[in-house]
C-alpha atoms as a PDB file:
ATOM      1  CA  UNK A   1       0.253  -0.081   0.192  1.00  0.00           C
ATOM      2  CA  UNK A   2       3.108   2.146   1.017  1.00  0.00           C
ATOM      3  CA  UNK A   3       4.402   1.888  -2.724  1.00  0.00           C
ATOM      4  CA  UNK A   4       1.301   2.698  -4.486  1.00  0.00           C
ATOM      5  CA  UNK A   5       0.860   6.004  -2.501  1.00  0.00           C
ATOM      6  CA  UNK A   6       4.783   6.764  -3.411  1.00  0.00           C
ATOM      7  CA  UNK A   7       4.294   5.950  -7.084  1.00  0.00           C
ATOM      8  CA  UNK A   8       1.165   7.973  -7.192  1.00  0.00           C
ATOM      9  CA  UNK A   9       3.023  11.067  -5.623  1.00  0.00           C
ATOM     10  CA  UNK A  10       5.877  10.398  -7.855  1.00  0.00           C
ATOM     11  CA  UNK A  11       3.734  10.635 -10.874  1.00  0.00           C
ATOM     12  CA  UNK A  12       1.873  13.816  -9.875  1.00  0.00           C
ATOM     13  CA  UNK A  13       5.189  15.346  -8.690  1.00  0.00           C
ATOM     14  CA  UNK A  14       6.650  14.754 -12.547  1.00  0.00           C
ATOM     15  CA  UNK A  15       3.186  15.719 -14.108  1.00  0.00           C
ATOM     16  CA  UNK A  16       3.456  19.151 -12.038  1.00  0.00           C
ATOM     17  CA  UNK A  17       6.946  19.703 -13.000  1.00  0.00           C
ATOM     18  CA  UNK A  18       6.094  19.116 -16.672  1.00  0.00           C
ATOM     19  CA  UNK A  19       3.350  21.615 -16.263  1.00  0.00           C
ATOM     20  CA  UNK A  20       5.019  24.231 -14.761  1.00  0.00           C
ATOM     21  CA  UNK A  21       8.052  24.573 -17.168  1.00  0.00           C
ATOM     22  CA  UNK A  22       7.807  27.490 -19.308  1.00  0.00           C
ATOM     23  CA  UNK A  23       7.504  27.496 -23.148  1.00  0.00           C
ATOM     24  CA  UNK A  24      10.157  30.143 -23.247  1.00  0.00           C
ATOM     25  CA  UNK A  25      13.073  27.225 -22.896  1.00  0.00           C
ATOM     26  CA  UNK A  26      11.684  25.477 -26.388  1.00  0.00           C
ATOM     27  CA  UNK A  27      13.483  28.558 -28.317  1.00  0.00           C
ATOM     28  CA  UNK A  28      11.938  30.607 -31.203  1.00  0.00           C
ATOM     29  CA  UNK A  29       8.746  29.765 -32.852  1.00  0.00           C
ATOM     30  CA  UNK A  30      10.048  30.301 -36.323  1.00  0.00           C
ATOM     31  CA  UNK A  31      13.364  28.287 -35.802  1.00  0.00           C
ATOM     32  CA  UNK A  32      12.191  24.864 -37.092  1.00  0.00           C
ATOM     33  CA  UNK A  33       9.261  25.799 -38.921  1.00  0.00           C
ATOM     34  CA  UNK A  34      10.368  24.672 -42.554  1.00  0.00           C
ATOM     35  CA  UNK A  35      11.626  21.295 -41.292  1.00  0.00           C
ATOM     36  CA  UNK A  36       8.141  20.811 -39.936  1.00  0.00           C
ATOM     37  CA  UNK A  37       6.556  21.674 -43.303  1.00  0.00           C
ATOM     38  CA  UNK A  38       8.517  19.044 -45.239  1.00  0.00           C
ATOM     39  CA  UNK A  39       8.050  16.406 -42.611  1.00  0.00           C
ATOM     40  CA  UNK A  40       4.511  17.178 -42.968  1.00  0.00           C
ATOM     41  CA  UNK A  41       4.484  17.343 -46.479  1.00  0.00           C
ATOM     42  CA  UNK A  42       6.638  14.078 -47.098  1.00  0.00           C
ATOM     43  CA  UNK A  43       4.407  12.128 -44.760  1.00  0.00           C
ATOM     44  CA  UNK A  44       1.200  13.412 -46.900  1.00  0.00           C
ATOM     45  CA  UNK A  45       2.849  12.025 -50.031  1.00  0.00           C
ATOM     46  CA  UNK A  46       4.025   8.810 -48.240  1.00  0.00           C
ATOM     47  CA  UNK A  47       0.332   8.235 -47.081  1.00  0.00           C
ATOM     48  CA  UNK A  48      -1.279   9.154 -50.226  1.00  0.00           C
ATOM     49  CA  UNK A  49       1.016   6.577 -51.928  1.00  0.00           C
ATOM     50  CA  UNK A  50       0.443   3.775 -49.539  1.00  0.00           C
ATOM     51  CA  UNK A  51      -3.330   4.670 -49.628  1.00  0.00           C
ATOM     52  CA  UNK A  52      -3.474   4.147 -53.464  1.00  0.00           C
ATOM     53  CA  UNK A  53      -1.457   0.978 -53.607  1.00  0.00           C
ATOM     54  CA  UNK A  54      -3.639  -0.580 -51.076  1.00  0.00           C
ATOM     55  CA  UNK A  55      -6.809   0.825 -53.032  1.00  0.00           C
ATOM     56  CA  UNK A  56      -5.559  -0.808 -56.137  1.00  0.00           C
ATOM     57  CA  UNK A  57      -5.564  -4.268 -54.972  1.00  0.00           C
ATOM     58  CA  UNK A  58      -9.162  -3.918 -53.872  1.00  0.00           C
ATOM     59  CA  UNK A  59     -10.652  -2.175 -57.142  1.00  0.00           C
ATOM     60  CA  UNK A  60     -12.848  -4.453 -59.229  1.00  0.00           C
ATOM     61  CA  UNK A  61     -11.589  -5.304 -62.539  1.00  0.00           C
ATOM     62  CA  UNK A  62     -13.823  -4.395 -65.519  1.00  0.00           C
ATOM     63  CA  UNK A  63     -14.686  -7.052 -67.586  1.00  0.00           C
ATOM     64  CA  UNK A  64     -16.442  -6.307 -71.356  1.00  0.00           C
ATOM     65  CA  UNK A  65     -19.100  -9.179 -72.200  1.00  0.00           C
ATOM     66  CA  UNK A  66     -20.136  -9.057 -75.539  1.00  0.00           C
ATOM     67  CA  UNK A  67     -24.001  -9.500 -75.763  1.00  0.00           C
ATOM     68  CA  UNK A  68     -25.311 -13.011 -76.847  1.00  0.00           C
ATOM     69  CA  UNK A  69     -26.453 -13.161 -80.394  1.00  0.00           C
ATOM     70  CA  UNK A  70     -29.298 -15.508 -81.229  1.00  0.00           C
ATOM     71  CA  UNK A  71     -29.361 -16.881 -84.973  1.00  0.00           C
ATOM     72  CA  UNK A  72     -32.195 -19.162 -86.420  1.00  0.00           C
ATOM     73  CA  UNK A  73     -35.281 -18.691 -88.477  1.00  0.00           C
ATOM     74  CA  UNK A  74     -37.368 -15.650 -87.488  1.00  0.00           C
ATOM     75  CA  UNK A  75     -40.821 -16.614 -87.755  1.00  0.00           C
ATOM     76  CA  UNK A  76     -42.163 -13.352 -86.436  1.00  0.00           C
ATOM     77  CA  UNK A  77     -43.938 -12.303 -83.140  1.00  0.00           C
ATOM     78  CA  UNK A  78     -45.597 -15.479 -81.374  1.00  0.00           C
ATOM     79  CA  UNK A  79     -49.042 -15.035 -80.298  1.00  0.00           C
ATOM     80  CA  UNK A  80     -50.183 -16.763 -77.282  1.00  0.00           C
ATOM     81  CA  UNK A  81     -53.891 -17.453 -77.078  1.00  0.00           C
ATOM     82  CA  UNK A  82     -55.326 -18.241 -73.778  1.00  0.00           C
ATOM     83  CA  UNK A  83     -57.144 -17.046 -70.582  1.00  0.00           C
ATOM     84  CA  UNK A  84     -56.783 -16.581 -66.959  1.00  0.00           C
ATOM     85  CA  UNK A  85     -58.401 -18.931 -64.662  1.00  0.00           C
ATOM     86  CA  UNK A  86     -58.839 -18.793 -60.833  1.00  0.00           C
ATOM     87  CA  UNK A  87     -57.674 -21.811 -59.312  1.00  0.00           C
ATOM     88  CA  UNK A  88     -58.179 -23.128 -55.837  1.00  0.00           C
ATOM     89  CA  UNK A  89     -55.021 -24.852 -54.369  1.00  0.00           C
ATOM     90  CA  UNK A  90     -54.479 -26.440 -50.875  1.00  0.00           C
ATOM     91  CA  UNK A  91     -51.829 -25.144 -48.816  1.00  0.00           C
ATOM     92  CA  UNK A  92     -50.893 -27.955 -46.229  1.00  0.00           C
ATOM     93  CA  UNK A  93     -50.227 -27.069 -42.687  1.00  0.00           C
ATOM     94  CA  UNK A  94     -46.324 -26.937 -41.231  1.00  0.00           C
ATOM     95  CA  UNK A  95     -45.066 -28.767 -38.146  1.00  0.00           C
ATOM     96  CA  UNK A  96     -42.147 -28.089 -36.222  1.00  0.00           C
ATOM     97  CA  UNK A  97     -40.430 -30.772 -33.983  1.00  0.00           C
ATOM     98  CA  UNK A  98     -40.163 -29.358 -30.214  1.00  0.00           C
ATOM     99  CA  UNK A  99     -38.990 -30.783 -26.885  1.00  0.00           C
ATOM    100  CA  UNK A 100     -41.632 -31.406 -24.441  1.00  0.00           C
ATOM    101  CA  UNK A 101     -39.433 -31.710 -20.977  1.00  0.00           C
ATOM    102  CA  UNK A 102     -40.312 -33.987 -18.107  1.00  0.00           C
ATOM    103  CA  UNK A 103     -43.446 -33.307 -16.264  1.00  0.00           C
ATOM    104  CA  UNK A 104     -46.215 -34.554 -14.186  1.00  0.00           C
ATOM    105  CA  UNK A 105     -49.471 -34.736 -15.869  1.00  0.00           C
ATOM    106  CA  UNK A 106     -52.763 -33.782 -14.262  1.00  0.00           C
ATOM    107  CA  UNK A 107     -53.511 -37.429 -12.622  1.00  0.00           C
ATOM    108  CA  UNK A 108     -50.012 -36.850 -10.815  1.00  0.00           C
ATOM    109  CA  UNK A 109     -48.151 -39.432 -12.941  1.00  0.00           C
ATOM    110  CA  UNK A 110     -44.580 -38.529 -14.229  1.00  0.00           C
ATOM    111  CA  UNK A 111     -44.083 -38.109 -18.143  1.00  0.00           C
ATOM    112  CA  UNK A 112     -40.611 -38.231 -19.176  1.00  0.00           C
ATOM    113  CA  UNK A 113     -39.167 -35.694 -21.842  1.00  0.00           C
ATOM    114  CA  UNK A 114     -39.677 -36.476 -25.422  1.00  0.00           C
ATOM    115  CA  UNK A 115     -39.861 -35.148 -28.935  1.00  0.00           C
ATOM    116  CA  UNK A 116     -43.103 -33.921 -30.439  1.00  0.00           C
ATOM    117  CA  UNK A 117     -44.594 -32.249 -33.291  1.00  0.00           C
ATOM    118  CA  UNK A 118     -46.494 -28.858 -33.033  1.00  0.00           C
ATOM    119  CA  UNK A 119     -48.478 -27.316 -35.811  1.00  0.00           C
ATOM    120  CA  UNK A 120     -46.931 -23.872 -36.535  1.00  0.00           C
ATOM    121  CA  UNK A 121     -49.425 -22.985 -39.145  1.00  0.00           C
ATOM    122  CA  UNK A 122     -52.828 -24.378 -40.244  1.00  0.00           C
ATOM    123  CA  UNK A 123     -53.658 -25.772 -43.713  1.00  0.00           C
ATOM    124  CA  UNK A 124     -55.852 -23.477 -45.894  1.00  0.00           C
ATOM    125  CA  UNK A 125     -57.205 -23.039 -49.248  1.00  0.00           C
ATOM    126  CA  UNK A 126     -55.791 -20.130 -51.361  1.00  0.00           C
ATOM    127  CA  UNK A 127     -57.094 -18.879 -54.627  1.00  0.00           C
ATOM    128  CA  UNK A 128     -54.467 -17.970 -57.598  1.00  0.00           C
ATOM    129  CA  UNK A 129     -54.825 -16.577 -60.995  1.00  0.00           C
ATOM    130  CA  UNK A 130     -53.357 -18.906 -63.480  1.00  0.00           C
ATOM    131  CA  UNK A 131     -52.670 -18.446 -67.298  1.00  0.00           C
ATOM    132  CA  UNK A 132     -54.382 -21.247 -69.448  1.00  0.00           C
ATOM    133  CA  UNK A 133     -52.660 -21.635 -72.734  1.00  0.00           C
ATOM    134  CA  UNK A 134     -54.955 -22.220 -75.487  1.00  0.00           C
ATOM    135  CA  UNK A 135     -53.432 -23.089 -79.152  1.00  0.00           C
ATOM    136  CA  UNK A 136     -56.456 -23.908 -81.232  1.00  0.00           C
ATOM    137  CA  UNK A 137     -55.029 -27.016 -82.586  1.00  0.00           C
ATOM    138  CA  UNK A 138     -51.603 -25.666 -83.472  1.00  0.00           C
ATOM    139  CA  UNK A 139     -48.567 -27.478 -82.001  1.00  0.00           C
END
């Protein structure tokens, strides 16, 4: 415990001395101005070069794919004859397997844990619009 107090007081003393020291001891403000500008400019150029080399690895490659040409006999537009109909379809219920932990039933008998299927959605009828093609004997 004594060493912690000594260490904390030593850190506080060093911090206080650093704050008390005068900036007049640092010298003139203009003394190393151009060296600082040169270092900053060099760091900016080097950082930009590193960034560009990193981004060149991750840019997607541009690939030109020629559109597919379809050759063959051109019979003109194909007209489909037919009509829309409403059809009823049955959507079956869905089930999920769940674990039923061991428990006592209402008669007081122990029922051990087991897997059981539980219905998650009921089966139901839906109506959907379906296109019925009619070729009028042309195949």
